[in-house]
Each structure stands twice: as structure tokens, then as C-alpha cells.
């Protein structure tokens, strides 16, 4: 299943922000910043990645329902969903 390019643009933007956040976490570690601050930022990166994954799955699910895409079935989508849990 290929995702609609208009649907994935916000997901790509979210991933780019997460990439920047992760680079900031690496910088914080290299600078010897406070552990609490580092973990807080790392949790934000993790949440951003989870949200991107769920958005991809939601888009795929919507496409399967509305376009009757035979390349993904309910079991495949469930496995993808659970892989993020």
C-alpha cells in the first residue's frame, strides 16, 4: 500500500522535527547537561515518533476502508499497530 502524498506531508514534517529533537538530545549528552532534561527531551522524541507511526497506520487504515486496498488486510494493520505499542 502506498500512502497518498498529501496525507504523508504532515507525517514527514513531524519526523523532521523529531530528527531535530534527537540531534538536540545528542548535543545535550555531549555538553554534559542535566539527566532530567535529557530524559525529558528523549521522551518527547519517542512520543513524536510514536505519533508519526500511528498517523501512518491511521492513514493506511483509512485508505483500506475507502479504497478497498487488497494489499493490506485487518491482520496486517493490527500487527503494524501493535508493533508501536
PDB file of N, CA and C in Angstrom:
ATOM      1  N   UNK A   1       0.845  -1.166   0.000  1.00  0.00           N
ATOM      2  CA  UNK A   1       0.000   0.000   0.000  1.00  0.00           C
ATOM      3  C   UNK A   1       0.892   1.231   0.000  1.00  0.00           C
ATOM      4  N   UNK A   2       0.609   2.126  -0.923  1.00  0.00           N
ATOM      5  CA  UNK A   2       1.323   3.396  -0.966  1.00  0.00           C
ATOM      6  C   UNK A   2       0.441   4.464  -0.351  1.00  0.00           C
ATOM      7  N   UNK A   3       1.039   5.310   0.458  1.00  0.00           N
ATOM      8  CA  UNK A   3       0.289   6.376   1.110  1.00  0.00           C
ATOM      9  C   UNK A   3       0.194   7.580   0.189  1.00  0.00           C
ATOM     10  N   UNK A   4      -0.931   8.264   0.236  1.00  0.00           N
ATOM     11  CA  UNK A   4      -1.178   9.467  -0.544  1.00  0.00           C
ATOM     12  C   UNK A   4      -0.190  10.555  -0.115  1.00  0.00           C
ATOM     13  N   UNK A   5       0.438  11.197  -1.094  1.00  0.00           N
ATOM     14  CA  UNK A   5       1.478  12.189  -0.772  1.00  0.00           C
ATOM     15  C   UNK A   5       0.933  13.358   0.037  1.00  0.00           C
ATOM     16  N   UNK A   6      -0.321  13.735  -0.168  1.00  0.00           N
ATOM     17  CA  UNK A   6      -0.889  14.832   0.620  1.00  0.00           C
ATOM     18  C   UNK A   6      -1.103  14.410   2.066  1.00  0.00           C
ATOM     19  N   UNK A   7      -1.295  13.125   2.287  1.00  0.00           N
ATOM     20  CA  UNK A   7      -1.502  12.613   3.634  1.00  0.00           C
ATOM     21  C   UNK A   7      -0.193  12.498   4.408  1.00  0.00           C
ATOM     22  N   UNK A   8       0.905  12.244   3.701  1.00  0.00           N
ATOM     23  CA  UNK A   8       2.158  11.990   4.413  1.00  0.00           C
ATOM     24  C   UNK A   8       2.989  13.247   4.677  1.00  0.00           C
ATOM     25  N   UNK A   9       2.654  14.354   4.030  1.00  0.00           N
ATOM     26  CA  UNK A   9       3.428  15.579   4.250  1.00  0.00           C
ATOM     27  C   UNK A   9       3.494  15.970   5.725  1.00  0.00           C
ATOM     28  N   UNK A  10       2.359  15.989   6.453  1.00  0.00           N
ATOM     29  CA  UNK A  10       2.458  16.319   7.883  1.00  0.00           C
ATOM     30  C   UNK A  10       3.265  15.280   8.672  1.00  0.00           C
ATOM     31  N   UNK A  11       3.224  14.039   8.240  1.00  0.00           N
ATOM     32  CA  UNK A  11       3.988  12.986   8.924  1.00  0.00           C
ATOM     33  C   UNK A  11       5.483  13.207   8.697  1.00  0.00           C
ATOM     34  N   UNK A  12       5.843  13.547   7.480  1.00  0.00           N
ATOM     35  CA  UNK A  12       7.250  13.836   7.177  1.00  0.00           C
ATOM     36  C   UNK A  12       7.732  15.024   8.002  1.00  0.00           C
ATOM     37  N   UNK A  13       6.907  16.055   8.100  1.00  0.00           N
ATOM     38  CA  UNK A  13       7.278  17.222   8.909  1.00  0.00           C
ATOM     39  C   UNK A  13       7.466  16.839  10.375  1.00  0.00           C
ATOM     40  N   UNK A  14       6.594  15.983  10.880  1.00  0.00           N
ATOM     41  CA  UNK A  14       6.711  15.527  12.270  1.00  0.00           C
ATOM     42  C   UNK A  14       8.019  14.757  12.471  1.00  0.00           C
ATOM     43  N   UNK A  15       8.364  13.911  11.520  1.00  0.00           N
ATOM     44  CA  UNK A  15       9.602  13.137  11.621  1.00  0.00           C
ATOM     45  C   UNK A  15      10.841  14.030  11.548  1.00  0.00           C
ATOM     46  N   UNK A  16      10.771  15.065  10.733  1.00  0.00           N
ATOM     47  CA  UNK A  16      11.895  16.002  10.651  1.00  0.00           C
ATOM     48  C   UNK A  16      12.080  16.748  11.968  1.00  0.00           C
ATOM     49  N   UNK A  17      10.965  17.119  12.613  1.00  0.00           N
ATOM     50  CA  UNK A  17      11.065  17.769  13.930  1.00  0.00           C
ATOM     51  C   UNK A  17      11.669  16.807  14.946  1.00  0.00           C
ATOM     52  N   UNK A  18      11.243  15.546  14.891  1.00  0.00           N
ATOM     53  CA  UNK A  18      11.779  14.541  15.811  1.00  0.00           C
ATOM     54  C   UNK A  18      13.273  14.342  15.570  1.00  0.00           C
ATOM     55  N   UNK A  19      13.677  14.385  14.319  1.00  0.00           N
ATOM     56  CA  UNK A  19      15.092  14.251  13.987  1.00  0.00           C
ATOM     57  C   UNK A  19      15.889  15.394  14.616  1.00  0.00           C
ATOM     58  N   UNK A  20      15.342  16.597  14.549  1.00  0.00           N
ATOM     59  CA  UNK A  20      15.996  17.745  15.173  1.00  0.00           C
ATOM     60  C   UNK A  20      16.051  17.613  16.681  1.00  0.00           C
ATOM     61  N   UNK A  21      14.961  17.118  17.264  1.00  0.00           N
ATOM     62  CA  UNK A  21      14.932  16.912  18.713  1.00  0.00           C
ATOM     63  C   UNK A  21      15.983  15.879  19.124  1.00  0.00           C
ATOM     64  N   UNK A  22      16.115  14.822  18.328  1.00  0.00           N
ATOM     65  CA  UNK A  22      17.090  13.784  18.659  1.00  0.00           C
ATOM     66  C   UNK A  22      18.514  14.328  18.567  1.00  0.00           C
ATOM     67  N   UNK A  23      18.762  15.161  17.569  1.00  0.00           N
ATOM     68  CA  UNK A  23      20.087  15.789  17.466  1.00  0.00           C
ATOM     69  C   UNK A  23      20.343  16.666  18.687  1.00  0.00           C
ATOM     70  N   UNK A  24      19.301  17.334  19.168  1.00  0.00           N
ATOM     71  CA  UNK A  24      19.451  18.166  20.365  1.00  0.00           C
ATOM     72  C   UNK A  24      19.764  17.312  21.592  1.00  0.00           C
ATOM     73  N   UNK A  25      19.154  16.142  21.676  1.00  0.00           N
ATOM     74  CA  UNK A  25      19.428  15.230  22.798  1.00  0.00           C
ATOM     75  C   UNK A  25      20.893  14.798  22.763  1.00  0.00           C
ATOM     76  N   UNK A  26      21.380  14.459  21.584  1.00  0.00           N
ATOM     77  CA  UNK A  26      22.787  14.075  21.445  1.00  0.00           C
ATOM     78  C   UNK A  26      23.689  15.219  21.889  1.00  0.00           C
ATOM     79  N   UNK A  27      23.353  16.430  21.469  1.00  0.00           N
ATOM     80  CA  UNK A  27      24.132  17.595  21.881  1.00  0.00           C
ATOM     81  C   UNK A  27      24.105  17.800  23.385  1.00  0.00           C
ATOM     82  N   UNK A  28      22.944  17.585  23.981  1.00  0.00           N
ATOM     83  CA  UNK A  28      22.811  17.727  25.439  1.00  0.00           C
ATOM     84  C   UNK A  28      23.711  16.729  26.152  1.00  0.00           C
ATOM     85  N   UNK A  29      23.778  15.520  25.645  1.00  0.00           N
ATOM     86  CA  UNK A  29      24.645  14.496  26.245  1.00  0.00           C
ATOM     87  C   UNK A  29      26.110  14.905  26.129  1.00  0.00           C
ATOM     88  N   UNK A  30      26.474  15.379  24.940  1.00  0.00           N
ATOM     89  CA  UNK A  30      27.862  15.781  24.717  1.00  0.00           C
ATOM     90  C   UNK A  30      28.259  16.976  25.585  1.00  0.00           C
ATOM     91  N   UNK A  31      27.283  17.833  25.881  1.00  0.00           N
ATOM     92  CA  UNK A  31      27.549  19.005  26.723  1.00  0.00           C
ATOM     93  C   UNK A  31      27.513  18.694  28.211  1.00  0.00           C
ATOM     94  N   UNK A  32      27.095  17.482  28.554  1.00  0.00           N
ATOM     95  CA  UNK A  32      27.025  17.111  29.959  1.00  0.00           C
ATOM     96  C   UNK A  32      25.839  17.729  30.679  1.00  0.00           C
ATOM     97  N   UNK A  33      24.752  17.930  29.968  1.00  0.00           N
ATOM     98  CA  UNK A  33      23.565  18.552  30.563  1.00  0.00           C
ATOM     99  C   UNK A  33      22.931  17.644  31.605  1.00  0.00           C
ATOM    100  N   UNK A  34      22.034  18.207  32.378  1.00  0.00           N
ATOM    101  CA  UNK A  34      21.355  17.510  33.460  1.00  0.00           C
ATOM    102  C   UNK A  34      20.558  16.313  32.927  1.00  0.00           C
ATOM    103  N   UNK A  35      20.647  15.218  33.657  1.00  0.00           N
ATOM    104  CA  UNK A  35      19.990  13.962  33.267  1.00  0.00           C
ATOM    105  C   UNK A  35      18.480  14.145  33.087  1.00  0.00           C
ATOM    106  N   UNK A  36      17.874  14.888  34.002  1.00  0.00           N
ATOM    107  CA  UNK A  36      16.422  15.089  33.936  1.00  0.00           C
ATOM    108  C   UNK A  36      16.025  15.777  32.635  1.00  0.00           C
ATOM    109  N   UNK A  37      16.775  16.785  32.232  1.00  0.00           N
ATOM    110  CA  UNK A  37      16.495  17.498  30.987  1.00  0.00           C
ATOM    111  C   UNK A  37      16.652  16.590  29.771  1.00  0.00           C
ATOM    112  N   UNK A  38      17.686  15.770  29.799  1.00  0.00           N
ATOM    113  CA  UNK A  38      17.950  14.851  28.691  1.00  0.00           C
ATOM    114  C   UNK A  38      16.823  13.838  28.553  1.00  0.00           C
ATOM    115  N   UNK A  39      16.427  13.249  29.663  1.00  0.00           N
ATOM    116  CA  UNK A  39      15.363  12.245  29.625  1.00  0.00           C
ATOM    117  C   UNK A  39      14.041  12.866  29.176  1.00  0.00           C
ATOM    118  N   UNK A  40      13.770  14.082  29.607  1.00  0.00           N
ATOM    119  CA  UNK A  40      12.548  14.779  29.190  1.00  0.00           C
ATOM    120  C   UNK A  40      12.532  14.964  27.676  1.00  0.00           C
ATOM    121  N   UNK A  41      13.641  15.396  27.110  1.00  0.00           N
ATOM    122  CA  UNK A  41      13.721  15.590  25.667  1.00  0.00           C
ATOM    123  C   UNK A  41      13.665  14.262  24.914  1.00  0.00           C
ATOM    124  N   UNK A  42      14.298  13.254  25.469  1.00  0.00           N
ATOM    125  CA  UNK A  42      14.264  11.935  24.843  1.00  0.00           C
ATOM    126  C   UNK A  42      12.841  11.375  24.827  1.00  0.00           C
ATOM    127  N   UNK A  43      12.095  11.608  25.889  1.00  0.00           N
ATOM    128  CA  UNK A  43      10.690  11.180  25.936  1.00  0.00           C
ATOM    129  C   UNK A  43       9.873  11.908  24.873  1.00  0.00           C
ATOM    130  N   UNK A  44      10.177  13.192  24.647  1.00  0.00           N
ATOM    131  CA  UNK A  44       9.475  13.957  23.620  1.00  0.00           C
ATOM    132  C   UNK A  44       9.753  13.390  22.227  1.00  0.00           C
ATOM    133  N   UNK A  45      10.994  13.001  21.978  1.00  0.00           N
ATOM    134  CA  UNK A  45      11.355  12.389  20.696  1.00  0.00           C
ATOM    135  C   UNK A  45      10.593  11.082  20.517  1.00  0.00           C
ATOM    136  N   UNK A  46      10.576  10.279  21.551  1.00  0.00           N
ATOM    137  CA  UNK A  46       9.886   8.996  21.492  1.00  0.00           C
ATOM    138  C   UNK A  46       8.399   9.179  21.193  1.00  0.00           C
ATOM    139  N   UNK A  47       7.787  10.136  21.849  1.00  0.00           N
ATOM    140  CA  UNK A  47       6.363  10.402  21.638  1.00  0.00           C
ATOM    141  C   UNK A  47       6.115  10.884  20.207  1.00  0.00           C
ATOM    142  N   UNK A  48       6.989  11.726  19.697  1.00  0.00           N
ATOM    143  CA  UNK A  48       6.843  12.225  18.327  1.00  0.00           C
ATOM    144  C   UNK A  48       6.929  11.088  17.318  1.00  0.00           C
ATOM    145  N   UNK A  49       7.846  10.163  17.549  1.00  0.00           N
ATOM    146  CA  UNK A  49       7.976   9.019  16.650  1.00  0.00           C
ATOM    147  C   UNK A  49       6.749   8.118  16.730  1.00  0.00           C
ATOM    148  N   UNK A  50       6.246   7.900  17.935  1.00  0.00           N
ATOM    149  CA  UNK A  50       5.033   7.093  18.094  1.00  0.00           C
ATOM    150  C   UNK A  50       3.863   7.728  17.355  1.00  0.00           C
ATOM    151  N   UNK A  51       3.705   9.028  17.502  1.00  0.00           N
ATOM    152  CA  UNK A  51       2.601   9.725  16.836  1.00  0.00           C
ATOM    153  C   UNK A  51       2.727   9.633  15.315  1.00  0.00           C
ATOM    154  N   UNK A  52       3.930   9.719  14.810  1.00  0.00           N
ATOM    155  CA  UNK A  52       4.136   9.581  13.365  1.00  0.00           C
ATOM    156  C   UNK A  52       3.741   8.177  12.910  1.00  0.00           C
ATOM    157  N   UNK A  53       4.145   7.179  13.676  1.00  0.00           N
ATOM    158  CA  UNK A  53       3.786   5.804  13.339  1.00  0.00           C
ATOM    159  C   UNK A  53       2.289   5.577  13.362  1.00  0.00           C
ATOM    160  N   UNK A  54       1.629   6.098  14.381  1.00  0.00           N
ATOM    161  CA  UNK A  54       0.180   5.945  14.464  1.00  0.00           C
ATOM    162  C   UNK A  54      -0.509   6.694  13.328  1.00  0.00           C
ATOM    163  N   UNK A  55       0.013   7.842  12.936  1.00  0.00           N
ATOM    164  CA  UNK A  55      -0.574   8.595  11.828  1.00  0.00           C
ATOM    165  C   UNK A  55      -0.444   7.812  10.524  1.00  0.00           C
ATOM    166  N   UNK A  56       0.688   7.151  10.332  1.00  0.00           N
ATOM    167  CA  UNK A  56       0.882   6.320   9.139  1.00  0.00           C
ATOM    168  C   UNK A  56      -0.122   5.174   9.133  1.00  0.00           C
ATOM    169  N   UNK A  57      -0.287   4.525  10.266  1.00  0.00           N
ATOM    170  CA  UNK A  57      -1.236   3.413  10.350  1.00  0.00           C
ATOM    171  C   UNK A  57      -2.662   3.905  10.132  1.00  0.00           C
ATOM    172  N   UNK A  58      -3.018   5.031  10.724  1.00  0.00           N
ATOM    173  CA  UNK A  58      -4.376   5.572  10.566  1.00  0.00           C
ATOM    174  C   UNK A  58      -4.654   5.904   9.102  1.00  0.00           C
ATOM    175  N   UNK A  59      -3.671   6.479   8.431  1.00  0.00           N
ATOM    176  CA  UNK A  59      -3.825   6.798   7.017  1.00  0.00           C
ATOM    177  C   UNK A  59      -3.996   5.519   6.199  1.00  0.00           C
ATOM    178  N   UNK A  60      -3.201   4.525   6.511  1.00  0.00           N
ATOM    179  CA  UNK A  60      -3.316   3.239   5.816  1.00  0.00           C
ATOM    180  C   UNK A  60      -4.664   2.591   6.055  1.00  0.00           C
ATOM    181  N   UNK A  61      -5.137   2.650   7.286  1.00  0.00           N
ATOM    182  CA  UNK A  61      -6.434   2.070   7.612  1.00  0.00           C
ATOM    183  C   UNK A  61      -7.537   2.784   6.845  1.00  0.00           C
ATOM    184  N   UNK A  62      -7.470   4.086   6.813  1.00  0.00           N
ATOM    185  CA  UNK A  62      -8.477   4.863   6.087  1.00  0.00           C
ATOM    186  C   UNK A  62      -8.466   4.496   4.605  1.00  0.00           C
ATOM    187  N   UNK A  63      -7.291   4.365   4.033  1.00  0.00           N
ATOM    188  CA  UNK A  63      -7.190   4.008   2.618  1.00  0.00           C
ATOM    189  C   UNK A  63      -7.748   2.611   2.363  1.00  0.00           C
ATOM    190  N   UNK A  64      -7.494   1.692   3.281  1.00  0.00           N
ATOM    191  CA  UNK A  64      -8.016   0.331   3.113  1.00  0.00           C
ATOM    192  C   UNK A  64      -9.540   0.323   3.130  1.00  0.00           C
ATOM    193  N   UNK A  65     -10.112   1.161   3.989  1.00  0.00           N
ATOM    194  CA  UNK A  65     -11.571   1.203   4.113  1.00  0.00           C
ATOM    195  C   UNK A  65     -12.203   1.893   2.904  1.00  0.00           C
ATOM    196  N   UNK A  66     -11.648   3.041   2.521  1.00  0.00           N
ATOM    197  CA  UNK A  66     -12.276   3.840   1.474  1.00  0.00           C
ATOM    198  C   UNK A  66     -11.925   3.378   0.067  1.00  0.00           C
ATOM    199  N   UNK A  67     -10.767   2.796  -0.109  1.00  0.00           N
ATOM    200  CA  UNK A  67     -10.334   2.409  -1.450  1.00  0.00           C
ATOM    201  C   UNK A  67     -10.302   0.899  -1.642  1.00  0.00           C
ATOM    202  N   UNK A  68     -10.668   0.187  -0.613  1.00  0.00           N
ATOM    203  CA  UNK A  68     -10.645  -1.278  -0.665  1.00  0.00           C
ATOM    204  C   UNK A  68      -9.314  -1.806  -1.181  1.00  0.00           C
ATOM    205  N   UNK A  69      -8.258  -1.356  -0.555  1.00  0.00           N
ATOM    206  CA  UNK A  69      -6.903  -1.774  -0.911  1.00  0.00           C
ATOM    207  C   UNK A  69      -6.695  -3.216  -0.459  1.00  0.00           C
ATOM    208  N   UNK A  70      -6.457  -4.088  -1.399  1.00  0.00           N
ATOM    209  CA  UNK A  70      -6.312  -5.512  -1.083  1.00  0.00           C
ATOM    210  C   UNK A  70      -4.908  -5.873  -0.607  1.00  0.00           C
ATOM    211  N   UNK A  71      -3.967  -4.938  -0.670  1.00  0.00           N
ATOM    212  CA  UNK A  71      -2.595  -5.264  -0.275  1.00  0.00           C
ATOM    213  C   UNK A  71      -2.427  -5.354   1.239  1.00  0.00           C
ATOM    214  N   UNK A  72      -3.342  -4.774   2.005  1.00  0.00           N
ATOM    215  CA  UNK A  72      -3.284  -4.823   3.467  1.00  0.00           C
ATOM    216  C   UNK A  72      -4.611  -5.346   3.991  1.00  0.00           C
ATOM    217  N   UNK A  73      -4.518  -6.318   4.882  1.00  0.00           N
ATOM    218  CA  UNK A  73      -5.745  -6.805   5.497  1.00  0.00           C
ATOM    219  C   UNK A  73      -5.755  -6.394   6.969  1.00  0.00           C
ATOM    220  N   UNK A  74      -6.842  -6.734   7.630  1.00  0.00           N
ATOM    221  CA  UNK A  74      -7.011  -6.330   9.027  1.00  0.00           C
ATOM    222  C   UNK A  74      -5.877  -6.860   9.901  1.00  0.00           C
ATOM    223  N   UNK A  75      -5.467  -8.090   9.663  1.00  0.00           N
ATOM    224  CA  UNK A  75      -4.412  -8.694  10.476  1.00  0.00           C
ATOM    225  C   UNK A  75      -3.073  -7.962  10.271  1.00  0.00           C
ATOM    226  N   UNK A  76      -2.781  -7.592   9.043  1.00  0.00           N
ATOM    227  CA  UNK A  76      -1.548  -6.852   8.763  1.00  0.00           C
ATOM    228  C   UNK A  76      -1.544  -5.499   9.471  1.00  0.00           C
ATOM    229  N   UNK A  77      -2.671  -4.786   9.405  1.00  0.00           N
ATOM    230  CA  UNK A  77      -2.775  -3.491  10.072  1.00  0.00           C
ATOM    231  C   UNK A  77      -2.679  -3.646  11.585  1.00  0.00           C
ATOM    232  N   UNK A  78      -3.265  -4.711  12.112  1.00  0.00           N
ATOM    233  CA  UNK A  78      -3.182  -4.955  13.559  1.00  0.00           C
ATOM    234  C   UNK A  78      -1.739  -5.194  13.979  1.00  0.00           C
ATOM    235  N   UNK A  79      -0.993  -5.953  13.186  1.00  0.00           N
ATOM    236  CA  UNK A  79       0.419  -6.192  13.503  1.00  0.00           C
ATOM    237  C   UNK A  79       1.217  -4.882  13.493  1.00  0.00           C
ATOM    238  N   UNK A  80       0.951  -4.033  12.513  1.00  0.00           N
ATOM    239  CA  UNK A  80       1.637  -2.749  12.466  1.00  0.00           C
ATOM    240  C   UNK A  80       1.312  -1.908  13.683  1.00  0.00           C
ATOM    241  N   UNK A  81       0.033  -1.865  14.026  1.00  0.00           N
ATOM    242  CA  UNK A  81      -0.408  -1.093  15.187  1.00  0.00           C
ATOM    243  C   UNK A  81       0.279  -1.594  16.448  1.00  0.00           C
ATOM    244  N   UNK A  82       0.287  -2.898  16.652  1.00  0.00           N
ATOM    245  CA  UNK A  82       0.868  -3.472  17.861  1.00  0.00           C
ATOM    246  C   UNK A  82       2.394  -3.317  17.902  1.00  0.00           C
ATOM    247  N   UNK A  83       3.012  -3.199  16.750  1.00  0.00           N
ATOM    248  CA  UNK A  83       4.464  -3.017  16.746  1.00  0.00           C
ATOM    249  C   UNK A  83       4.864  -1.678  17.367  1.00  0.00           C
ATOM    250  N   UNK A  84       3.929  -0.731  17.432  1.00  0.00           N
ATOM    251  CA  UNK A  84       4.201   0.560  18.072  1.00  0.00           C
ATOM    252  C   UNK A  84       3.848   0.587  19.551  1.00  0.00           C
ATOM    253  N   UNK A  85       3.148  -0.423  19.994  1.00  0.00           N
ATOM    254  CA  UNK A  85       2.689  -0.441  21.387  1.00  0.00           C
ATOM    255  C   UNK A  85       3.831  -0.788  22.334  1.00  0.00           C
TER     256      UNK A  85
END
